[in-house]
N, C-alpha and C. Protein backbone atom coordinates (compact mmCIF):
# COMPACT_ATOMS: atom_id res chain seq x y z
N UNK A 1 0.80 -0.98 -0.20
CA UNK A 1 -0.08 0.25 0.51
C UNK A 1 0.88 1.37 0.09
N UNK A 2 0.91 2.04 -0.87
CA UNK A 2 1.81 3.16 -1.30
C UNK A 2 1.67 4.27 0.11
N UNK A 3 2.68 5.07 0.51
CA UNK A 3 2.06 5.79 1.84
C UNK A 3 3.05 7.10 1.32
N UNK A 4 2.30 8.42 1.49
CA UNK A 4 3.11 9.70 1.04
C UNK A 4 3.93 9.63 2.17
N UNK A 5 4.92 10.28 1.75
CA UNK A 5 6.31 10.54 2.42
C UNK A 5 6.34 12.42 1.98
N UNK A 6 6.32 12.90 3.40
CA UNK A 6 6.43 14.40 3.02
C UNK A 6 8.19 15.02 3.34
N UNK A 7 8.60 15.60 2.20
CA UNK A 7 10.01 16.43 2.93
C UNK A 7 9.68 17.68 3.66
N UNK A 8 10.37 17.71 4.90
CA UNK A 8 10.19 18.56 5.56
C UNK A 8 11.37 19.67 5.19
N UNK A 9 10.28 20.87 5.43
CA UNK A 9 11.27 22.33 5.02
C UNK A 9 12.39 22.32 5.50
N UNK A 10 13.57 22.62 4.69
CA UNK A 10 14.83 22.73 5.82
C UNK A 10 15.14 24.14 5.78
N UNK A 11 14.51 25.05 5.65
CA UNK A 11 14.07 26.73 5.95
C UNK A 11 12.77 27.18 6.04
N UNK A 12 12.83 28.51 6.68
CA UNK A 12 11.27 28.64 6.82
C UNK A 12 11.07 29.32 5.21
N UNK A 13 11.88 29.41 4.31
CA UNK A 13 11.50 30.00 2.77
C UNK A 13 11.36 28.78 2.00
N UNK A 14 11.67 27.67 2.28
CA UNK A 14 12.17 26.56 1.54
C UNK A 14 10.54 26.33 0.86
N UNK A 15 10.57 26.31 -0.46
CA UNK A 15 9.39 26.02 -1.09
C UNK A 15 9.78 24.58 -1.79
N UNK A 16 10.81 23.69 -2.19
CA UNK A 16 11.09 22.65 -3.25
C UNK A 16 12.42 22.28 -2.67
N UNK A 17 12.77 21.12 -2.58
CA UNK A 17 13.89 20.54 -2.57
C UNK A 17 14.39 19.40 -3.34
N UNK A 18 15.84 19.14 -3.02
CA UNK A 18 16.01 17.80 -3.90
C UNK A 18 16.56 16.60 -3.36
N UNK A 19 16.15 15.55 -3.68
CA UNK A 19 15.91 14.29 -3.38
C UNK A 19 17.16 13.59 -4.03
N UNK A 20 18.23 13.80 -3.12
CA UNK A 20 19.52 13.43 -3.60
C UNK A 20 19.64 11.96 -4.02
N UNK A 21 19.29 10.92 -3.02
CA UNK A 21 19.47 9.58 -3.10
C UNK A 21 18.73 8.71 -2.51
N UNK A 22 17.71 7.71 -2.85
CA UNK A 22 16.99 6.83 -2.07
C UNK A 22 17.65 5.81 -1.25
N UNK A 23 17.60 5.65 -0.25
CA UNK A 23 18.24 4.45 0.42
C UNK A 23 17.58 3.68 0.77
N UNK A 24 16.30 3.58 0.25
CA UNK A 24 15.23 1.91 0.25
C UNK A 24 14.73 1.82 -1.21
N UNK A 25 14.48 0.80 -1.50
CA UNK A 25 13.96 0.47 -2.51
C UNK A 25 12.48 -0.03 -2.71
N UNK A 26 11.59 0.20 -3.33
CA UNK A 26 10.22 -0.30 -3.70
C UNK A 26 10.18 -1.91 -3.20
N UNK A 27 9.17 -1.75 -1.95
CA UNK A 27 9.23 -3.08 -1.80
C UNK A 27 9.85 -3.23 -0.17
N UNK A 28 10.83 -2.81 -0.17
CA UNK A 28 11.85 -2.75 1.26
C UNK A 28 10.70 -2.61 2.28
N UNK A 29 11.37 -3.36 3.53
CA UNK A 29 10.28 -2.91 4.76
C UNK A 29 11.12 -1.61 5.21
N UNK A 30 10.22 -0.50 5.96
CA UNK A 30 10.45 0.48 6.31
C UNK A 30 10.09 0.38 8.04
N UNK A 31 11.14 0.78 8.82
CA UNK A 31 10.74 0.74 10.25
C UNK A 31 10.89 1.99 10.73
N UNK A 32 10.14 2.39 12.04
CA UNK A 32 10.10 3.75 12.52
C UNK A 32 11.87 4.05 12.83
N UNK A 33 12.30 5.15 12.33
CA UNK A 33 13.34 5.73 12.67
C UNK A 33 14.68 5.37 11.37
N UNK A 34 14.11 4.64 10.22
CA UNK A 34 15.17 4.25 9.50
C UNK A 34 15.23 5.44 8.38
N UNK A 35 16.37 5.39 7.81
CA UNK A 35 16.73 6.46 7.15
C UNK A 35 16.04 5.86 5.85
N UNK A 36 15.46 6.82 4.78
CA UNK A 36 14.96 6.57 3.70
C UNK A 36 15.33 7.44 2.27
N UNK A 37 15.94 8.28 2.76
CA UNK A 37 16.52 9.10 1.55
C UNK A 37 17.58 10.19 1.99
N UNK A 38 18.43 10.83 1.49
CA UNK A 38 19.35 11.61 1.57
C UNK A 38 18.68 12.95 0.69
N UNK A 39 18.50 14.04 1.28
CA UNK A 39 18.08 15.42 0.73
C UNK A 39 19.58 16.22 0.33
N UNK A 40 19.46 16.92 -0.86
CA UNK A 40 20.56 17.70 -0.85
C UNK A 40 20.27 18.93 -0.70
N UNK A 41 20.90 19.81 -0.12
CA UNK A 41 20.80 21.20 -0.37
C UNK A 41 21.92 22.01 -1.43
N UNK A 42 20.97 22.57 -2.31
CA UNK A 42 21.59 23.74 -3.11
C UNK A 42 22.47 24.20 -2.76
N UNK A 43 22.56 24.72 -1.18
CA UNK A 43 23.49 25.64 -1.07
C UNK A 43 24.57 24.88 0.25
N UNK A 44 25.44 24.91 -0.09
CA UNK A 44 26.20 24.04 1.39
C UNK A 44 26.43 24.54 2.41
N UNK A 45 25.96 26.03 2.32
CA UNK A 45 25.91 26.85 3.44
C UNK A 45 24.23 26.93 4.08
N UNK A 46 23.52 26.09 3.55
CA UNK A 46 22.20 25.97 4.07
C UNK A 46 22.13 25.68 5.28
N UNK A 47 20.91 26.93 5.72
CA UNK A 47 20.59 26.70 7.18
C UNK A 47 19.57 25.66 7.58
N UNK A 48 20.03 24.54 8.45
CA UNK A 48 19.41 23.36 8.50
C UNK A 48 19.20 23.26 10.15
N UNK A 49 17.92 22.92 10.77
CA UNK A 49 17.63 22.66 11.95
C UNK A 49 16.42 21.50 11.69
N UNK A 50 16.71 20.46 12.22
CA UNK A 50 15.80 19.00 12.16
C UNK A 50 15.45 18.69 13.25
N UNK A 51 14.04 18.37 13.62
CA UNK A 51 13.84 17.68 14.95
C UNK A 51 13.22 16.45 14.55
N UNK A 52 13.24 15.64 15.45
CA UNK A 52 12.17 14.17 15.32
C UNK A 52 12.18 13.96 17.18
N UNK A 53 11.46 13.01 17.04
CA UNK A 53 10.69 12.43 18.52
C UNK A 53 10.10 11.12 18.23
N UNK A 54 10.45 10.06 19.20
CA UNK A 54 9.62 8.93 19.06
C UNK A 54 8.95 8.63 20.59
N UNK A 55 8.55 9.63 21.36
CA UNK A 55 7.76 9.69 22.46
C UNK A 55 8.75 9.56 23.65
N UNK A 56 9.78 9.09 23.48
CA UNK A 56 10.67 8.98 24.58
C UNK A 56 11.85 9.70 24.84
N UNK A 57 12.21 10.25 23.58
CA UNK A 57 13.44 11.28 23.72
C UNK A 57 12.98 12.19 22.33
N UNK A 58 13.61 13.40 22.59
CA UNK A 58 13.34 14.44 21.25
C UNK A 58 14.89 14.67 20.72
N UNK A 59 15.04 14.80 19.38
CA UNK A 59 16.39 15.31 19.15
C UNK A 59 16.39 16.18 18.35
N UNK A 60 17.46 17.10 18.25
CA UNK A 60 17.24 18.18 17.65
C UNK A 60 18.51 18.97 16.77
N UNK A 61 18.79 19.05 15.93
CA UNK A 61 20.19 19.87 15.21
C UNK A 61 20.32 21.39 15.14
N UNK A 62 21.09 21.69 15.05
CA UNK A 62 21.35 23.26 14.75
C UNK A 62 22.43 23.21 13.60
N UNK A 63 22.43 23.85 12.60
CA UNK A 63 23.46 24.04 11.53
C UNK A 63 23.13 25.45 10.60
N UNK A 64 24.05 26.17 11.16
CA UNK A 64 23.79 27.61 10.13
C UNK A 64 22.60 28.58 10.56
N UNK A 65 21.89 28.12 11.96
CA UNK A 65 20.83 28.60 12.31
C UNK A 65 20.51 28.57 13.78
N UNK A 66 19.49 29.00 14.24
CA UNK A 66 19.92 29.29 15.91
C UNK A 66 18.38 28.11 16.19
N UNK A 67 19.02 28.03 17.50
CA UNK A 67 18.01 27.20 18.49
C UNK A 67 18.16 27.27 19.81
N UNK A 68 17.14 27.45 20.33
CA UNK A 68 17.56 28.24 22.13
C UNK A 68 16.83 26.75 22.90
N UNK A 69 17.18 26.59 24.03
CA UNK A 69 16.57 25.51 24.91
C UNK A 69 16.09 26.31 26.17
N UNK A 70 15.10 26.10 26.71
CA UNK A 70 14.85 26.84 28.22
C UNK A 70 14.48 25.30 28.97
N UNK A 71 15.07 24.86 30.39
CA UNK A 71 14.79 23.84 30.92
C UNK A 71 13.78 24.45 32.16
N UNK A 72 12.74 23.50 32.18
CA UNK A 72 11.71 24.19 33.16
C UNK A 72 11.15 23.17 34.12
N UNK A 73 10.79 23.27 35.29
CA UNK A 73 10.19 22.22 36.37
C UNK A 73 9.37 21.19 35.43
N UNK A 74 8.62 21.37 34.34
CA UNK A 74 7.65 20.60 33.89
C UNK A 74 8.05 20.06 32.74
N UNK A 75 9.33 20.51 32.00
CA UNK A 75 9.76 19.59 30.91
C UNK A 75 10.89 20.68 30.32
N UNK A 76 11.05 20.22 29.33
CA UNK A 76 12.43 21.24 28.31
C UNK A 76 11.33 21.73 26.97
N UNK A 77 11.52 22.99 26.55
CA UNK A 77 11.25 23.78 25.67
C UNK A 77 12.39 23.96 24.76
N UNK A 78 12.21 23.78 23.06
CA UNK A 78 13.47 24.23 22.14
C UNK A 78 12.32 24.58 21.27
N UNK A 79 13.45 25.57 20.77
CA UNK A 79 12.42 26.61 19.94
C UNK A 79 13.70 27.34 18.93
N UNK A 80 13.28 28.12 17.67
CA UNK A 80 14.18 28.29 16.99
C UNK A 80 14.63 29.97 17.64
N UNK A 81 13.64 30.32 18.49
CA UNK A 81 14.22 31.41 19.14
C UNK A 81 13.61 31.56 20.61
N UNK A 82 13.94 32.52 21.82
CA UNK A 82 13.07 32.63 22.58
C UNK A 82 11.74 32.92 22.38
N UNK A 83 10.79 32.52 22.86
CA UNK A 83 9.76 33.21 22.64
C UNK A 83 9.36 34.43 23.66
N UNK A 84 10.00 34.20 24.76
CA UNK A 84 9.75 35.14 25.63
C UNK A 84 11.07 36.01 26.52
N UNK A 85 11.02 36.74 27.34
CA UNK A 85 12.07 37.52 27.80
C UNK A 85 12.46 36.59 28.88
N UNK A 86 12.18 35.48 29.39
CA UNK A 86 13.05 34.72 30.31
C UNK A 86 14.31 34.64 30.58
N UNK A 87 14.89 34.72 31.56
CA UNK A 87 16.32 34.95 31.35
C UNK A 87 17.25 33.53 31.29
N UNK A 88 16.09 32.32 31.53
CA UNK A 88 16.78 30.97 31.75
C UNK A 88 16.81 30.46 30.10
N UNK A 89 16.87 31.04 28.98
CA UNK A 89 16.99 30.75 27.79
C UNK A 89 18.45 30.25 27.61
N UNK A 90 18.69 29.22 26.88
CA UNK A 90 20.39 29.19 26.62
C UNK A 90 20.49 28.85 25.12
N UNK A 91 21.18 29.02 24.29
CA UNK A 91 21.68 29.16 23.02
C UNK A 91 22.03 28.23 22.76
N UNK A 92 21.49 27.12 21.98
CA UNK A 92 22.37 26.10 21.45
C UNK A 92 23.54 26.30 20.70
N UNK A 93 24.63 26.14 20.44
CA UNK A 93 25.77 26.07 19.61
C UNK A 93 25.64 25.50 18.51
N UNK A 94 26.06 26.01 17.30
CA UNK A 94 25.80 25.90 16.06
C UNK A 94 26.65 24.77 15.63
N UNK A 95 25.82 23.64 14.77
CA UNK A 95 26.41 22.34 14.26
C UNK A 95 26.42 21.66 15.60
N UNK A 96 25.38 21.33 16.42
CA UNK A 96 25.00 20.54 17.58
C UNK A 96 23.87 19.69 17.64
N UNK A 97 24.28 18.57 18.19
CA UNK A 97 22.85 17.82 18.54
C UNK A 97 22.30 18.07 19.65
N UNK A 98 21.45 18.11 20.04
CA UNK A 98 20.53 18.22 21.54
C UNK A 98 19.44 16.78 21.53
N UNK A 99 19.84 16.22 22.62
CA UNK A 99 18.80 15.10 23.05
C UNK A 99 18.31 15.30 24.23
N UNK A 100 16.81 15.20 24.20
CA UNK A 100 16.00 15.41 25.49
C UNK A 100 15.64 14.14 25.58
N UNK A 101 15.67 13.62 27.21
CA UNK A 101 15.05 12.26 27.77
C UNK A 101 14.60 12.62 28.92
N UNK A 102 14.02 11.37 29.51
CA UNK A 102 13.74 11.67 30.91
C UNK A 102 14.61 11.96 31.61
N UNK A 103 15.94 11.39 31.36
CA UNK A 103 17.27 11.31 32.47
C UNK A 103 17.49 13.00 32.20
N UNK A 104 17.45 13.65 31.15
CA UNK A 104 17.85 15.24 31.13
C UNK A 104 18.14 15.84 29.74
N UNK A 105 18.90 16.44 29.53
CA UNK A 105 19.56 17.25 28.09
C UNK A 105 20.90 17.01 27.83
N UNK A 106 21.08 16.65 26.84
CA UNK A 106 22.70 16.62 26.35
C UNK A 106 22.87 17.47 24.98
N UNK A 107 24.02 17.75 24.86
CA UNK A 107 24.41 18.42 23.65
C UNK A 107 25.64 17.96 23.18
N UNK A 108 25.91 17.55 22.00
CA UNK A 108 27.05 17.29 21.37
C UNK A 108 27.36 17.92 19.82
N UNK A 109 28.27 18.21 19.99
CA UNK A 109 29.11 18.56 18.42
C UNK A 109 28.73 17.53 17.27
N UNK A 110 28.28 18.14 16.27
CA UNK A 110 27.90 17.09 14.99
C UNK A 110 29.52 17.10 14.35
N UNK A 111 29.39 15.90 13.75
CA UNK A 111 30.91 15.59 12.85
C UNK A 111 30.14 15.77 11.57
N UNK A 112 30.95 16.94 10.99
CA UNK A 112 30.85 17.19 9.71
C UNK A 112 31.37 16.26 8.65
N UNK A 113 32.54 15.39 8.62
CA UNK A 113 33.22 14.88 7.82
C UNK A 113 31.99 13.35 7.88
N UNK A 114 31.30 13.09 8.99
CA UNK A 114 30.62 11.71 8.98
C UNK A 114 29.25 12.00 8.14
N UNK A 115 29.21 10.59 7.33
CA UNK A 115 27.69 10.85 6.44
C UNK A 115 27.29 9.31 6.66
N UNK A 116 26.17 8.99 7.43
CA UNK A 116 25.41 7.85 7.30
C UNK A 116 24.67 7.62 6.30
N UNK A 117 25.17 6.18 5.71
CA UNK A 117 24.59 5.70 4.43
C UNK A 117 23.97 4.54 4.60
N UNK A 118 22.73 4.31 3.73
CA UNK A 118 22.55 2.70 4.17
C UNK A 118 21.17 3.09 5.06
N UNK A 119 20.76 2.03 4.96
CA UNK A 119 19.73 1.67 6.19
C UNK A 119 20.13 0.76 7.50
N UNK A 120 19.52 1.03 8.68
CA UNK A 120 19.75 0.21 9.95
C UNK A 120 19.72 -1.13 9.61
């Protein structure tokens, strides 16, 4: 049964994108979390923020764009920029991965030379 897969906008002004390579073939099984395609950016300096969640953790990246984090008693807020003047907002450094789980928040630098090929 065919399933429509929508490509997320890579920037607020993005109207179309380039599919660089399919990593799954027609008929292949696809599980939640599998990488199914590589998306090519026309501009190597393109601004990219990616957000993914599976119910138990939230992953977000920054790449040439801003991302802010607010740790609250009732959870964590990730936003492209602070939505209020609260002094507790922290900027996520450029080219970093943020992981939010029940155990807390971690940030780690993205490896620019690493490219994940194929499926899991």
